[in-house]
Structures are given as C-alpha cells and as structure tokens.
Amino acid sequence: MTPRIDNPQNLFPAGLKAMVALETALHQTGLDPVLLELVKLRASQINGCAHCIHMHTTALRRRGVEEMKLYLLTAWRESSLFTPRERAAIGWAEALTRVAETGAPDAEYTDLAFEFTEEEQVQLTYAIGAINVWNRLQVGFRTGHPVDAREAA
C-alpha cells in the first residue's frame, strides 16, 4: 500500500493537537482503559483500518487481554468472553460507527444507559467519535501499520 500523503498530521498540526488533547481527556475520565481499547479496536475493524487495528490489538495484548478475546471481538454477540458493560459499549460503538445504516437504535442505547452513567455515555461517545476520525485519516491517506522486523525478513 502506498501512502497518499506522507505525515498528514504535519500538514495540520492544530488538528493533531486537538485530537491528542481529546485522547488525553478521554484517558483521564476513569473509563476502563481495556474497555476503551476494545471499543477502538471494534470500530477500527468495522472501518478496515489496519493501522489502528494493529495499534489497539497491541495495546490490548500489553494490558494482558487474552488472545481469544481479541479473536472473538468480531463475533462478540456470540461469545461469552465479554462482560455486560463491554457488550453495551461495543454495541454502541458499532451503532455509531455505522450510524448511516443504524440511526443509533434505541435498543443499543438502552443497553448503554443500563451499564453507564450519563457522564460515561457522553465520554464513551466522544471516544467512538474520535476513533472514527482517526480511522478515516489512516484509511483515507493509506497509512500503513508498523511491520515487525521478523515479518519483513
């Protein structure tokens, strides 16, 4: 894959600064970091963002998340590995990532509202919006994922 623009973030530093500030604020919310990474990974899977899938899978592995949970994220509805809170967050992430198709259904919101306070709902929605922006930047400009030196040999 050939990048369309090298280092697009350098061409709009104010945009990058705003996105980094949002990410910093999100990590200060008290939402579980694993939950946030799972949501980011699921949105990235839907959007086909290899760069972000690589990043969030790596982050989850570093946090000790079992490989099988990562493998089954695409089939989370059929897996017993996800907590009710994770299910609500992942369902909301899917609904908002596919908002043109789903219209953010009441059923997904009901599940979210049962598991999260209103403040957490807003924080999680910002996180979902942010990952969708990152995905569009990476996919749109064809940013590749890092390659492990062992894979390049």
C-alpha atoms as a PDB file:
ATOM      1  CA  MET A   1       0.000   0.000   0.000  1.00  0.00           C
ATOM      2  CA  THR A   2       1.341   3.399  -0.955  1.00  0.00           C
ATOM      3  CA  PRO A   3       0.577   6.308   1.374  1.00  0.00           C
ATOM      4  CA  ARG A   4      -1.285   9.136  -0.338  1.00  0.00           C
ATOM      5  CA  ILE A   5       0.356  11.800   1.854  1.00  0.00           C
ATOM      6  CA  ASP A   6       3.458  11.362   3.963  1.00  0.00           C
ATOM      7  CA  ASN A   7       2.863  12.519   7.547  1.00  0.00           C
ATOM      8  CA  PRO A   8      -0.518  14.221   7.036  1.00  0.00           C
ATOM      9  CA  GLN A   9      -0.531  15.236  10.715  1.00  0.00           C
ATOM     10  CA  ASN A  10       2.391  17.583   9.953  1.00  0.00           C
ATOM     11  CA  LEU A  11       0.202  19.457   7.469  1.00  0.00           C
ATOM     12  CA  PHE A  12      -2.434  20.312  10.095  1.00  0.00           C
ATOM     13  CA  PRO A  13      -0.695  20.494  13.483  1.00  0.00           C
ATOM     14  CA  ALA A  14      -3.642  22.250  15.127  1.00  0.00           C
ATOM     15  CA  GLY A  15      -5.913  19.349  14.159  1.00  0.00           C
ATOM     16  CA  LEU A  16      -3.449  16.824  15.533  1.00  0.00           C
ATOM     17  CA  LYS A  17      -3.090  18.850  18.732  1.00  0.00           C
ATOM     18  CA  ALA A  18      -6.881  18.903  19.186  1.00  0.00           C
ATOM     19  CA  MET A  19      -7.169  15.141  18.621  1.00  0.00           C
ATOM     20  CA  VAL A  20      -4.331  14.419  21.060  1.00  0.00           C
ATOM     21  CA  ALA A  21      -5.986  16.702  23.625  1.00  0.00           C
ATOM     22  CA  LEU A  22      -9.247  14.764  23.208  1.00  0.00           C
ATOM     23  CA  GLU A  23      -7.426  11.442  23.643  1.00  0.00           C
ATOM     24  CA  THR A  24      -5.685  12.783  26.750  1.00  0.00           C
ATOM     25  CA  ALA A  25      -9.021  13.906  28.193  1.00  0.00           C
ATOM     26  CA  LEU A  26     -10.575  10.520  27.424  1.00  0.00           C
ATOM     27  CA  HIS A  27      -7.810   8.698  29.277  1.00  0.00           C
ATOM     28  CA  GLN A  28      -8.467  10.887  32.322  1.00  0.00           C
ATOM     29  CA  THR A  29     -12.177  10.024  32.526  1.00  0.00           C
ATOM     30  CA  GLY A  30     -11.958   6.938  34.672  1.00  0.00           C
ATOM     31  CA  LEU A  31     -13.394   4.695  31.958  1.00  0.00           C
ATOM     32  CA  ASP A  32     -11.623   1.354  31.979  1.00  0.00           C
ATOM     33  CA  PRO A  33      -8.644   1.542  29.566  1.00  0.00           C
ATOM     34  CA  VAL A  34      -9.309  -2.010  28.333  1.00  0.00           C
ATOM     35  CA  LEU A  35     -12.923  -1.101  27.581  1.00  0.00           C
ATOM     36  CA  LEU A  36     -11.783   1.968  25.627  1.00  0.00           C
ATOM     37  CA  GLU A  37      -9.282  -0.108  23.645  1.00  0.00           C
ATOM     38  CA  LEU A  38     -11.906  -2.769  22.864  1.00  0.00           C
ATOM     39  CA  VAL A  39     -14.268  -0.077  21.553  1.00  0.00           C
ATOM     40  CA  LYS A  40     -11.484   1.469  19.464  1.00  0.00           C
ATOM     41  CA  LEU A  41     -10.486  -1.918  18.097  1.00  0.00           C
ATOM     42  CA  ARG A  42     -14.064  -2.843  17.155  1.00  0.00           C
ATOM     43  CA  ALA A  43     -14.661   0.450  15.343  1.00  0.00           C
ATOM     44  CA  SER A  44     -11.328   0.035  13.555  1.00  0.00           C
ATOM     45  CA  GLN A  45     -12.300  -3.481  12.468  1.00  0.00           C
ATOM     46  CA  ILE A  46     -15.571  -2.180  11.027  1.00  0.00           C
ATOM     47  CA  ASN A  47     -13.735   0.636   9.231  1.00  0.00           C
ATOM     48  CA  GLY A  48     -10.995  -1.668   7.927  1.00  0.00           C
ATOM     49  CA  CYS A  49      -8.208   0.423   9.447  1.00  0.00           C
ATOM     50  CA  ALA A  50      -5.151  -1.848   9.578  1.00  0.00           C
ATOM     51  CA  HIS A  51      -3.035   0.847  11.255  1.00  0.00           C
ATOM     52  CA  CYS A  52      -5.494   1.232  14.146  1.00  0.00           C
ATOM     53  CA  ILE A  53      -6.257  -2.495  14.389  1.00  0.00           C
ATOM     54  CA  HIS A  54      -2.538  -3.099  14.816  1.00  0.00           C
ATOM     55  CA  MET A  55      -2.228  -0.337  17.418  1.00  0.00           C
ATOM     56  CA  HIS A  56      -5.230  -1.304  19.547  1.00  0.00           C
ATOM     57  CA  THR A  57      -4.576  -5.051  19.361  1.00  0.00           C
ATOM     58  CA  THR A  58      -1.015  -4.404  20.505  1.00  0.00           C
ATOM     59  CA  ALA A  59      -2.258  -2.163  23.341  1.00  0.00           C
ATOM     60  CA  LEU A  60      -4.773  -4.780  24.495  1.00  0.00           C
ATOM     61  CA  ARG A  61      -2.159  -7.531  24.456  1.00  0.00           C
ATOM     62  CA  ARG A  62       0.145  -5.323  26.538  1.00  0.00           C
ATOM     63  CA  ARG A  63      -2.702  -4.874  29.022  1.00  0.00           C
ATOM     64  CA  GLY A  64      -2.935  -8.646  29.374  1.00  0.00           C
ATOM     65  CA  VAL A  65      -6.107  -9.257  27.383  1.00  0.00           C
ATOM     66  CA  GLU A  66      -6.268 -12.875  26.262  1.00  0.00           C
ATOM     67  CA  GLU A  67      -5.683 -13.595  22.599  1.00  0.00           C
ATOM     68  CA  MET A  68      -9.003 -15.455  22.294  1.00  0.00           C
ATOM     69  CA  LYS A  69     -10.913 -12.338  23.375  1.00  0.00           C
ATOM     70  CA  LEU A  70      -9.189 -10.408  20.593  1.00  0.00           C
ATOM     71  CA  TYR A  71     -10.008 -13.108  18.055  1.00  0.00           C
ATOM     72  CA  LEU A  72     -13.661 -13.191  19.085  1.00  0.00           C
ATOM     73  CA  LEU A  73     -14.259  -9.448  19.142  1.00  0.00           C
ATOM     74  CA  THR A  74     -15.785  -9.553  15.657  1.00  0.00           C
ATOM     75  CA  ALA A  75     -18.279 -12.134  16.971  1.00  0.00           C
ATOM     76  CA  TRP A  76     -18.765 -10.615  20.441  1.00  0.00           C
ATOM     77  CA  ARG A  77     -22.529 -11.175  20.410  1.00  0.00           C
ATOM     78  CA  GLU A  78     -21.969 -14.940  20.197  1.00  0.00           C
ATOM     79  CA  SER A  79     -19.105 -15.053  22.709  1.00  0.00           C
ATOM     80  CA  SER A  80     -19.269 -15.459  26.477  1.00  0.00           C
ATOM     81  CA  LEU A  81     -15.939 -13.661  26.958  1.00  0.00           C
ATOM     82  CA  PHE A  82     -17.417 -10.157  27.115  1.00  0.00           C
ATOM     83  CA  THR A  83     -18.959  -8.584  30.212  1.00  0.00           C
ATOM     84  CA  PRO A  84     -22.355  -6.862  30.025  1.00  0.00           C
ATOM     85  CA  ARG A  85     -20.585  -3.492  30.285  1.00  0.00           C
ATOM     86  CA  GLU A  86     -18.239  -4.383  27.405  1.00  0.00           C
ATOM     87  CA  ARG A  87     -21.190  -5.630  25.347  1.00  0.00           C
ATOM     88  CA  ALA A  88     -23.069  -2.364  25.850  1.00  0.00           C
ATOM     89  CA  ALA A  89     -20.013  -0.305  24.880  1.00  0.00           C
ATOM     90  CA  ILE A  90     -19.168  -2.434  21.839  1.00  0.00           C
ATOM     91  CA  GLY A  91     -22.792  -2.408  20.675  1.00  0.00           C
ATOM     92  CA  TRP A  92     -22.882   1.390  20.970  1.00  0.00           C
ATOM     93  CA  ALA A  93     -19.574   1.643  19.109  1.00  0.00           C
ATOM     94  CA  GLU A  94     -20.953  -0.484  16.275  1.00  0.00           C
ATOM     95  CA  ALA A  95     -24.173   1.537  16.123  1.00  0.00           C
ATOM     96  CA  LEU A  96     -22.353   4.883  15.967  1.00  0.00           C
ATOM     97  CA  THR A  97     -19.645   3.674  13.604  1.00  0.00           C
ATOM     98  CA  ARG A  98     -22.435   2.538  11.249  1.00  0.00           C
ATOM     99  CA  VAL A  99     -24.749   5.433  12.125  1.00  0.00           C
ATOM    100  CA  ALA A 100     -25.832   5.980   8.499  1.00  0.00           C
ATOM    101  CA  GLU A 101     -27.152   2.400   8.488  1.00  0.00           C
ATOM    102  CA  THR A 102     -28.355   2.078  12.072  1.00  0.00           C
ATOM    103  CA  GLY A 103     -29.581   5.510  13.119  1.00  0.00           C
ATOM    104  CA  ALA A 104     -28.257   4.711  16.628  1.00  0.00           C
ATOM    105  CA  PRO A 105     -31.073   2.322  17.605  1.00  0.00           C
ATOM    106  CA  ASP A 106     -32.944   2.610  20.875  1.00  0.00           C
ATOM    107  CA  ALA A 107     -32.065  -0.975  21.825  1.00  0.00           C
ATOM    108  CA  GLU A 108     -28.338  -0.216  21.732  1.00  0.00           C
ATOM    109  CA  TYR A 109     -28.864   2.977  23.689  1.00  0.00           C
ATOM    110  CA  THR A 110     -30.987   1.190  26.303  1.00  0.00           C
ATOM    111  CA  ASP A 111     -28.165  -1.312  26.866  1.00  0.00           C
ATOM    112  CA  LEU A 112     -25.683   1.563  27.126  1.00  0.00           C
ATOM    113  CA  ALA A 113     -27.843   3.522  29.581  1.00  0.00           C
ATOM    114  CA  PHE A 114     -28.247   0.447  31.795  1.00  0.00           C
ATOM    115  CA  GLU A 115     -24.474  -0.041  32.149  1.00  0.00           C
ATOM    116  CA  PHE A 116     -23.125   3.531  32.067  1.00  0.00           C
ATOM    117  CA  THR A 117     -23.909   6.815  33.793  1.00  0.00           C
ATOM    118  CA  GLU A 118     -24.900   9.734  31.566  1.00  0.00           C
ATOM    119  CA  GLU A 119     -21.424  11.205  32.005  1.00  0.00           C
ATOM    120  CA  GLU A 120     -19.824   7.913  30.951  1.00  0.00           C
ATOM    121  CA  GLN A 121     -22.211   7.669  27.976  1.00  0.00           C
ATOM    122  CA  VAL A 122     -21.010  11.052  26.746  1.00  0.00           C
ATOM    123  CA  GLN A 123     -17.353  10.170  27.347  1.00  0.00           C
ATOM    124  CA  LEU A 124     -17.731   6.874  25.512  1.00  0.00           C
ATOM    125  CA  THR A 125     -19.495   8.594  22.619  1.00  0.00           C
ATOM    126  CA  TYR A 126     -16.606  11.050  22.320  1.00  0.00           C
ATOM    127  CA  ALA A 127     -14.193   8.101  22.273  1.00  0.00           C
ATOM    128  CA  ILE A 128     -16.183   6.442  19.483  1.00  0.00           C
ATOM    129  CA  GLY A 129     -16.253   9.678  17.515  1.00  0.00           C
ATOM    130  CA  ALA A 130     -12.500  10.116  17.970  1.00  0.00           C
ATOM    131  CA  ILE A 131     -11.587   6.619  16.780  1.00  0.00           C
ATOM    132  CA  ASN A 132     -13.764   7.085  13.730  1.00  0.00           C
ATOM    133  CA  VAL A 133     -11.854  10.296  12.905  1.00  0.00           C
ATOM    134  CA  TRP A 134      -8.513   8.506  13.371  1.00  0.00           C
ATOM    135  CA  ASN A 135      -9.733   5.630  11.164  1.00  0.00           C
ATOM    136  CA  ARG A 136     -10.776   7.997   8.402  1.00  0.00           C
ATOM    137  CA  LEU A 137      -7.402   9.751   8.497  1.00  0.00           C
ATOM    138  CA  GLN A 138      -5.454   6.476   8.368  1.00  0.00           C
ATOM    139  CA  VAL A 139      -7.632   4.749   5.757  1.00  0.00           C
ATOM    140  CA  GLY A 140      -8.129   7.904   3.694  1.00  0.00           C
ATOM    141  CA  PHE A 141      -4.413   8.638   3.445  1.00  0.00           C
ATOM    142  CA  ARG A 142      -3.461   4.932   3.263  1.00  0.00           C
ATOM    143  CA  THR A 143      -1.281   4.977   6.358  1.00  0.00           C
ATOM    144  CA  GLY A 144       0.300   1.572   6.782  1.00  0.00           C
ATOM    145  CA  HIS A 145       0.631  -0.330  10.018  1.00  0.00           C
ATOM    146  CA  PRO A 146       4.037  -0.967  11.571  1.00  0.00           C
ATOM    147  CA  VAL A 147       5.771  -4.074  10.303  1.00  0.00           C
ATOM    148  CA  ASP A 148       7.519  -6.358  12.758  1.00  0.00           C
ATOM    149  CA  ALA A 149      11.163  -6.826  11.755  1.00  0.00           C
ATOM    150  CA  ARG A 150      10.650 -10.607  11.883  1.00  0.00           C
ATOM    151  CA  GLU A 151       7.839 -10.316   9.321  1.00  0.00           C
ATOM    152  CA  ALA A 152       9.929  -8.171   6.938  1.00  0.00           C
ATOM    153  CA  ALA A 153      12.737 -10.757   6.727  1.00  0.00           C
END
